Amino acid sequence: MIPRFPIYLFDVDGTLLDSAEDICGAVRDTLAGSPHASISEDFLRGYIGLHLVDLYEDLFPDYSAARIDDLVETYRRIYPQRKHRSTRVYPGVTETLAALGGRKSTATTKRTWMVEEVLAQFGLAQYFDHLQGTDGFPAKPAPDVIFTALAALGARPEECLLVGDAPSDIQAGRRAGVTTCAVRYGYGDAAELALSTPDYWIDDLRQLLS
């Protein structure tokens, strides 16, 4: 049983939203005309939650930093144009956020403006006291987004439960000194998640209410 916490931080993609089809579709659009144009969604899902730079550097190890940045900016232009048409809220997310006490923020690799847009579109923004993305500082597994969200809430790490689906979420949480909870229904590999030693596991977000 998971105790209640004063502060909850949530990853977004793979934790609150099943958004892989839109994310991977936008990435594939940026790869059109390259040798990786037909890359599989399964491969791309493994990078959800990491910074786009990590993906593009692995695909194009000979590219300069400027060319990698161009790909990232192209993605950031294309992704919102999809209007999240293939994105869905995971079962139980809305009712959990509505019923869960404590103050809430996000801790995601998305830019903050993207988080605000997509959570508003799906009616989830109303349940948060703050929304935090990764804006010009290192992405998870670095702990920066967690520290930034906690500072905005005036909270301490020991007050917080971080909920995420990827090893990078759990690793960032451990580095930040917060309690961590891994969800099994997202995009993270279960074996890799286990190596990151989350404090709790859940199969459904509603288990936070149990």
C-alpha atoms as a PDB file:
ATOM      1  CA  MET A   1       0.000   0.000   0.000  1.00  0.00           C
ATOM      2  CA  ILE A   2       1.329   3.406  -0.982  1.00  0.00           C
ATOM      3  CA  PRO A   3       1.081   6.097   1.700  1.00  0.00           C
ATOM      4  CA  ARG A   4      -0.337   9.509   0.883  1.00  0.00           C
ATOM      5  CA  PHE A   5       2.106  12.315   0.133  1.00  0.00           C
ATOM      6  CA  PRO A   6       1.771  16.108   0.370  1.00  0.00           C
ATOM      7  CA  ILE A   7       3.350  16.494  -3.086  1.00  0.00           C
ATOM      8  CA  TYR A   8       2.955  14.434  -6.261  1.00  0.00           C
ATOM      9  CA  LEU A   9       5.026  14.843  -9.413  1.00  0.00           C
ATOM     10  CA  PHE A  10       3.900  13.052 -12.565  1.00  0.00           C
ATOM     11  CA  ASP A  11       5.656  12.180 -15.763  1.00  0.00           C
ATOM     12  CA  VAL A  12       3.290  12.782 -18.703  1.00  0.00           C
ATOM     13  CA  ASP A  13       3.968  10.537 -21.719  1.00  0.00           C
ATOM     14  CA  GLY A  14       3.467   6.897 -20.787  1.00  0.00           C
ATOM     15  CA  THR A  15       2.154   7.818 -17.336  1.00  0.00           C
ATOM     16  CA  LEU A  16      -0.829  10.147 -17.816  1.00  0.00           C
ATOM     17  CA  LEU A  17      -1.152  10.007 -21.599  1.00  0.00           C
ATOM     18  CA  ASP A  18      -0.771   7.238 -24.159  1.00  0.00           C
ATOM     19  CA  SER A  19       0.865   9.569 -26.661  1.00  0.00           C
ATOM     20  CA  ALA A  20       3.361   7.287 -28.405  1.00  0.00           C
ATOM     21  CA  GLU A  21       1.608   7.309 -31.772  1.00  0.00           C
ATOM     22  CA  ASP A  22       1.733  11.102 -32.031  1.00  0.00           C
ATOM     23  CA  ILE A  23       5.287  11.377 -30.683  1.00  0.00           C
ATOM     24  CA  CYS A  24       6.669   8.621 -32.898  1.00  0.00           C
ATOM     25  CA  GLY A  25       4.750   9.907 -35.920  1.00  0.00           C
ATOM     26  CA  ALA A  26       6.256  13.362 -35.480  1.00  0.00           C
ATOM     27  CA  VAL A  27       9.743  11.878 -35.114  1.00  0.00           C
ATOM     28  CA  ARG A  28       9.300   9.801 -38.278  1.00  0.00           C
ATOM     29  CA  ASP A  29       8.249  12.965 -40.127  1.00  0.00           C
ATOM     30  CA  THR A  30      11.573  14.562 -39.152  1.00  0.00           C
ATOM     31  CA  LEU A  31      13.407  11.512 -40.540  1.00  0.00           C
ATOM     32  CA  ALA A  32      11.764  11.633 -43.983  1.00  0.00           C
ATOM     33  CA  GLY A  33      14.373  11.242 -46.700  1.00  0.00           C
ATOM     34  CA  SER A  34      16.970   9.811 -44.325  1.00  0.00           C
ATOM     35  CA  PRO A  35      18.124   6.175 -44.007  1.00  0.00           C
ATOM     36  CA  HIS A  36      15.966   5.960 -40.879  1.00  0.00           C
ATOM     37  CA  ALA A  37      12.711   7.050 -42.524  1.00  0.00           C
ATOM     38  CA  SER A  38      11.033   3.676 -41.903  1.00  0.00           C
ATOM     39  CA  ILE A  39      12.275   3.183 -38.347  1.00  0.00           C
ATOM     40  CA  SER A  40       9.848   1.220 -36.183  1.00  0.00           C
ATOM     41  CA  GLU A  41       7.580   2.677 -33.522  1.00  0.00           C
ATOM     42  CA  ASP A  42       8.809   0.023 -31.081  1.00  0.00           C
ATOM     43  CA  PHE A  43      12.348   1.382 -31.406  1.00  0.00           C
ATOM     44  CA  LEU A  44      11.217   4.978 -30.984  1.00  0.00           C
ATOM     45  CA  ARG A  45       9.086   4.156 -27.930  1.00  0.00           C
ATOM     46  CA  GLY A  46      12.291   3.281 -26.094  1.00  0.00           C
ATOM     47  CA  TYR A  47      13.347   6.934 -26.294  1.00  0.00           C
ATOM     48  CA  ILE A  48      10.117   8.447 -24.993  1.00  0.00           C
ATOM     49  CA  GLY A  49      10.982  10.250 -21.779  1.00  0.00           C
ATOM     50  CA  LEU A  50      14.531  11.002 -22.854  1.00  0.00           C
ATOM     51  CA  HIS A  51      15.616  14.186 -24.578  1.00  0.00           C
ATOM     52  CA  LEU A  52      15.218  14.207 -28.352  1.00  0.00           C
ATOM     53  CA  VAL A  53      18.916  14.970 -28.625  1.00  0.00           C
ATOM     54  CA  ASP A  54      19.654  11.468 -27.293  1.00  0.00           C
ATOM     55  CA  LEU A  55      17.583   9.876 -30.034  1.00  0.00           C
ATOM     56  CA  TYR A  56      18.968  11.923 -32.897  1.00  0.00           C
ATOM     57  CA  GLU A  57      22.567  11.580 -31.730  1.00  0.00           C
ATOM     58  CA  ASP A  58      22.181   7.795 -31.646  1.00  0.00           C
ATOM     59  CA  LEU A  59      20.638   7.751 -35.127  1.00  0.00           C
ATOM     60  CA  PHE A  60      23.090  10.240 -36.634  1.00  0.00           C
ATOM     61  CA  PRO A  61      26.404   9.928 -34.740  1.00  0.00           C
ATOM     62  CA  ASP A  62      28.240  11.917 -37.435  1.00  0.00           C
ATOM     63  CA  TYR A  63      25.918  14.927 -37.308  1.00  0.00           C
ATOM     64  CA  SER A  64      27.112  18.214 -35.847  1.00  0.00           C
ATOM     65  CA  ALA A  65      25.377  19.709 -32.820  1.00  0.00           C
ATOM     66  CA  ALA A  66      23.787  22.287 -35.123  1.00  0.00           C
ATOM     67  CA  ARG A  67      22.231  19.600 -37.361  1.00  0.00           C
ATOM     68  CA  ILE A  68      20.931  17.745 -34.306  1.00  0.00           C
ATOM     69  CA  ASP A  69      19.405  20.978 -33.009  1.00  0.00           C
ATOM     70  CA  ASP A  70      17.719  21.486 -36.379  1.00  0.00           C
ATOM     71  CA  LEU A  71      16.068  18.070 -36.102  1.00  0.00           C
ATOM     72  CA  VAL A  72      14.884  18.840 -32.581  1.00  0.00           C
ATOM     73  CA  GLU A  73      13.400  22.163 -33.661  1.00  0.00           C
ATOM     74  CA  THR A  74      11.720  20.496 -36.642  1.00  0.00           C
ATOM     75  CA  TYR A  75      10.108  18.002 -34.278  1.00  0.00           C
ATOM     76  CA  ARG A  76       8.924  20.790 -31.985  1.00  0.00           C
ATOM     77  CA  ARG A  77       7.252  22.437 -34.955  1.00  0.00           C
ATOM     78  CA  ILE A  78       5.655  19.257 -36.321  1.00  0.00           C
ATOM     79  CA  TYR A  79       4.459  17.643 -33.092  1.00  0.00           C
ATOM     80  CA  PRO A  80       1.886  20.324 -32.109  1.00  0.00           C
ATOM     81  CA  GLN A  81       0.513  20.291 -35.649  1.00  0.00           C
ATOM     82  CA  ARG A  82      -0.741  16.742 -35.062  1.00  0.00           C
ATOM     83  CA  LYS A  83      -3.169  18.214 -32.469  1.00  0.00           C
ATOM     84  CA  HIS A  84      -2.719  15.071 -30.334  1.00  0.00           C
ATOM     85  CA  ARG A  85      -5.298  13.290 -32.501  1.00  0.00           C
ATOM     86  CA  SER A  86      -3.943   9.834 -31.645  1.00  0.00           C
ATOM     87  CA  THR A  87      -3.254  10.549 -27.962  1.00  0.00           C
ATOM     88  CA  ARG A  88      -5.473   9.112 -25.231  1.00  0.00           C
ATOM     89  CA  VAL A  89      -5.714   9.505 -21.462  1.00  0.00           C
ATOM     90  CA  TYR A  90      -4.892   6.260 -19.690  1.00  0.00           C
ATOM     91  CA  PRO A  91      -7.763   4.614 -17.791  1.00  0.00           C
ATOM     92  CA  GLY A  92      -8.172   5.895 -14.263  1.00  0.00           C
ATOM     93  CA  VAL A  93      -6.003   8.976 -14.713  1.00  0.00           C
ATOM     94  CA  THR A  94      -8.742  11.605 -14.645  1.00  0.00           C
ATOM     95  CA  GLU A  95     -10.540  10.183 -11.617  1.00  0.00           C
ATOM     96  CA  THR A  96      -7.266   9.691  -9.745  1.00  0.00           C
ATOM     97  CA  LEU A  97      -6.076  13.240 -10.308  1.00  0.00           C
ATOM     98  CA  ALA A  98      -9.496  14.571  -9.302  1.00  0.00           C
ATOM     99  CA  ALA A  99      -9.635  12.550  -6.073  1.00  0.00           C
ATOM    100  CA  LEU A 100      -5.989  12.530  -4.996  1.00  0.00           C
ATOM    101  CA  GLY A 101      -5.134  14.963  -2.228  1.00  0.00           C
ATOM    102  CA  GLY A 102      -1.920  16.932  -1.999  1.00  0.00           C
ATOM    103  CA  ARG A 103      -0.423  19.389  -4.437  1.00  0.00           C
ATOM    104  CA  LYS A 104       0.547  18.231  -7.896  1.00  0.00           C
ATOM    105  CA  SER A 105       2.949  19.143 -10.663  1.00  0.00           C
ATOM    106  CA  THR A 106       4.404  17.477 -13.712  1.00  0.00           C
ATOM    107  CA  ALA A 107       8.044  16.541 -14.221  1.00  0.00           C
ATOM    108  CA  THR A 108       8.405  15.783 -17.897  1.00  0.00           C
ATOM    109  CA  THR A 109      10.901  16.094 -20.730  1.00  0.00           C
ATOM    110  CA  LYS A 110       8.321  18.013 -22.761  1.00  0.00           C
ATOM    111  CA  ARG A 111       8.689  21.784 -22.822  1.00  0.00           C
ATOM    112  CA  THR A 112       6.372  23.485 -20.340  1.00  0.00           C
ATOM    113  CA  TRP A 113       4.259  25.136 -23.038  1.00  0.00           C
ATOM    114  CA  MET A 114       3.670  21.724 -24.626  1.00  0.00           C
ATOM    115  CA  VAL A 115       2.610  20.285 -21.266  1.00  0.00           C
ATOM    116  CA  GLU A 116       0.190  23.150 -20.697  1.00  0.00           C
ATOM    117  CA  GLU A 117      -1.306  22.703 -24.154  1.00  0.00           C
ATOM    118  CA  VAL A 118      -1.808  18.950 -24.117  1.00  0.00           C
ATOM    119  CA  LEU A 119      -3.084  18.667 -20.535  1.00  0.00           C
ATOM    120  CA  ALA A 120      -5.536  21.500 -21.156  1.00  0.00           C
ATOM    121  CA  GLN A 121      -6.775  19.748 -24.303  1.00  0.00           C
ATOM    122  CA  PHE A 122      -7.535  16.585 -22.349  1.00  0.00           C
ATOM    123  CA  GLY A 123      -9.036  18.369 -19.340  1.00  0.00           C
ATOM    124  CA  LEU A 124      -6.252  17.402 -16.945  1.00  0.00           C
ATOM    125  CA  ALA A 125      -4.579  20.768 -16.333  1.00  0.00           C
ATOM    126  CA  GLN A 126      -7.291  21.759 -13.846  1.00  0.00           C
ATOM    127  CA  TYR A 127      -6.069  19.127 -11.388  1.00  0.00           C
ATOM    128  CA  PHE A 128      -2.538  20.520 -11.135  1.00  0.00           C
ATOM    129  CA  ASP A 129      -1.185  23.274  -8.948  1.00  0.00           C
ATOM    130  CA  HIS A 130       1.785  23.717 -11.267  1.00  0.00           C
ATOM    131  CA  LEU A 131       2.987  22.366 -14.617  1.00  0.00           C
ATOM    132  CA  GLN A 132       6.697  21.884 -15.186  1.00  0.00           C
ATOM    133  CA  GLY A 133       8.543  20.809 -18.300  1.00  0.00           C
ATOM    134  CA  THR A 134      12.188  20.755 -19.277  1.00  0.00           C
ATOM    135  CA  ASP A 135      13.081  24.283 -20.362  1.00  0.00           C
ATOM    136  CA  GLY A 136      16.742  24.883 -21.108  1.00  0.00           C
ATOM    137  CA  PHE A 137      18.188  22.602 -18.436  1.00  0.00           C
ATOM    138  CA  PRO A 138      19.290  18.932 -18.483  1.00  0.00           C
ATOM    139  CA  ALA A 139      16.545  16.376 -19.049  1.00  0.00           C
ATOM    140  CA  LYS A 140      15.873  13.262 -16.997  1.00  0.00           C
ATOM    141  CA  PRO A 141      17.657  11.188 -15.756  1.00  0.00           C
ATOM    142  CA  ALA A 142      19.151  14.453 -14.461  1.00  0.00           C
ATOM    143  CA  PRO A 143      17.063  15.674 -11.494  1.00  0.00           C
ATOM    144  CA  ASP A 144      16.721  19.294 -12.658  1.00  0.00           C
ATOM    145  CA  VAL A 145      13.050  19.169 -13.666  1.00  0.00           C
ATOM    146  CA  ILE A 146      12.160  17.674 -10.281  1.00  0.00           C
ATOM    147  CA  PHE A 147      14.073  20.321  -8.364  1.00  0.00           C
ATOM    148  CA  THR A 148      12.463  23.048 -10.502  1.00  0.00           C
ATOM    149  CA  ALA A 149       8.956  21.726  -9.852  1.00  0.00           C
ATOM    150  CA  LEU A 150       9.602  21.360  -6.123  1.00  0.00           C
ATOM    151  CA  ALA A 151      10.952  24.915  -5.939  1.00  0.00           C
ATOM    152  CA  ALA A 152       7.819  26.224  -7.654  1.00  0.00           C
ATOM    153  CA  LEU A 153       5.689  24.428  -5.061  1.00  0.00           C
ATOM    154  CA  GLY A 154       7.912  25.455  -2.154  1.00  0.00           C
ATOM    155  CA  ALA A 155       8.306  21.783  -1.284  1.00  0.00           C
ATOM    156  CA  ARG A 156      11.072  19.505  -0.023  1.00  0.00           C
ATOM    157  CA  PRO A 157      12.134  16.234  -1.710  1.00  0.00           C
ATOM    158  CA  GLU A 158      11.130  14.123   1.291  1.00  0.00           C
ATOM    159  CA  GLU A 159       7.518  15.326   0.893  1.00  0.00           C
ATOM    160  CA  CYS A 160       7.231  14.095  -2.681  1.00  0.00           C
ATOM    161  CA  LEU A 161       6.209  11.006  -4.631  1.00  0.00           C
ATOM    162  CA  LEU A 162       7.351  10.944  -8.274  1.00  0.00           C
ATOM    163  CA  VAL A 163       5.290   8.730 -10.603  1.00  0.00           C
ATOM    164  CA  GLY A 164       6.717   7.680 -13.961  1.00  0.00           C
ATOM    165  CA  ASP A 165       7.010   4.864 -16.460  1.00  0.00           C
ATOM    166  CA  ALA A 166      10.647   5.008 -17.562  1.00  0.00           C
ATOM    167  CA  PRO A 167      14.003   4.220 -15.969  1.00  0.00           C
ATOM    168  CA  SER A 168      14.973   7.851 -16.520  1.00  0.00           C
ATOM    169  CA  ASP A 169      12.067   8.922 -14.290  1.00  0.00           C
ATOM    170  CA  ILE A 170      13.120   6.653 -11.453  1.00  0.00           C
ATOM    171  CA  GLN A 171      16.810   7.526 -11.809  1.00  0.00           C
ATOM    172  CA  ALA A 172      15.994  11.249 -11.736  1.00  0.00           C
ATOM    173  CA  GLY A 173      13.821  10.740  -8.684  1.00  0.00           C
ATOM    174  CA  ARG A 174      16.547   8.896  -6.814  1.00  0.00           C
ATOM    175  CA  ARG A 175      19.051  11.633  -7.642  1.00  0.00           C
ATOM    176  CA  ALA A 176      16.600  14.241  -6.374  1.00  0.00           C
ATOM    177  CA  GLY A 177      15.940  12.369  -3.138  1.00  0.00           C
ATOM    178  CA  VAL A 178      12.198  11.861  -3.690  1.00  0.00           C
ATOM    179  CA  THR A 179      10.177   8.679  -3.258  1.00  0.00           C
ATOM    180  CA  THR A 180       9.535   6.966  -6.599  1.00  0.00           C
ATOM    181  CA  CYS A 181       6.676   4.943  -8.047  1.00  0.00           C
ATOM    182  CA  ALA A 182       6.929   3.063 -11.359  1.00  0.00           C
ATOM    183  CA  VAL A 183       3.887   2.345 -13.516  1.00  0.00           C
ATOM    184  CA  ARG A 184       3.913  -0.939 -15.425  1.00  0.00           C
ATOM    185  CA  TYR A 185       1.508   0.134 -18.197  1.00  0.00           C
ATOM    186  CA  GLY A 186       3.731   2.740 -19.896  1.00  0.00           C
ATOM    187  CA  TYR A 187       6.607   2.564 -22.351  1.00  0.00           C
ATOM    188  CA  GLY A 188       9.439   1.647 -19.995  1.00  0.00           C
ATOM    189  CA  ASP A 189      10.949  -1.833 -20.059  1.00  0.00           C
ATOM    190  CA  ALA A 190      10.030  -3.637 -16.830  1.00  0.00           C
ATOM    191  CA  ALA A 191      13.470  -5.202 -16.398  1.00  0.00           C
ATOM    192  CA  GLU A 192      15.217  -1.857 -16.845  1.00  0.00           C
ATOM    193  CA  LEU A 193      12.759  -0.221 -14.472  1.00  0.00           C
ATOM    194  CA  ALA A 194      13.519  -2.862 -11.861  1.00  0.00           C
ATOM    195  CA  LEU A 195      17.236  -2.098 -12.128  1.00  0.00           C
ATOM    196  CA  SER A 196      16.410   1.500 -11.202  1.00  0.00           C
ATOM    197  CA  THR A 197      14.812   0.189  -7.966  1.00  0.00           C
ATOM    198  CA  PRO A 198      11.613   2.222  -7.639  1.00  0.00           C
ATOM    199  CA  ASP A 199      10.151   2.404  -4.149  1.00  0.00           C
ATOM    200  CA  TYR A 200       6.685   1.372  -5.348  1.00  0.00           C
ATOM    201  CA  TRP A 201       5.057  -0.263  -8.390  1.00  0.00           C
ATOM    202  CA  ILE A 202       1.517   0.155  -9.703  1.00  0.00           C
ATOM    203  CA  ASP A 203      -0.448  -1.313 -12.611  1.00  0.00           C
ATOM    204  CA  ASP A 204      -3.113   1.389 -12.617  1.00  0.00           C
ATOM    205  CA  LEU A 205      -2.913   4.999 -11.425  1.00  0.00           C
ATOM    206  CA  ARG A 206      -6.001   4.422  -9.271  1.00  0.00           C
ATOM    207  CA  GLN A 207      -3.805   2.383  -6.938  1.00  0.00           C
ATOM    208  CA  LEU A 208      -2.528   5.716  -5.593  1.00  0.00           C
ATOM    209  CA  LEU A 209      -5.990   6.094  -4.028  1.00  0.00           C
ATOM    210  CA  SER A 210      -6.041   2.676  -2.356  1.00  0.00           C
END
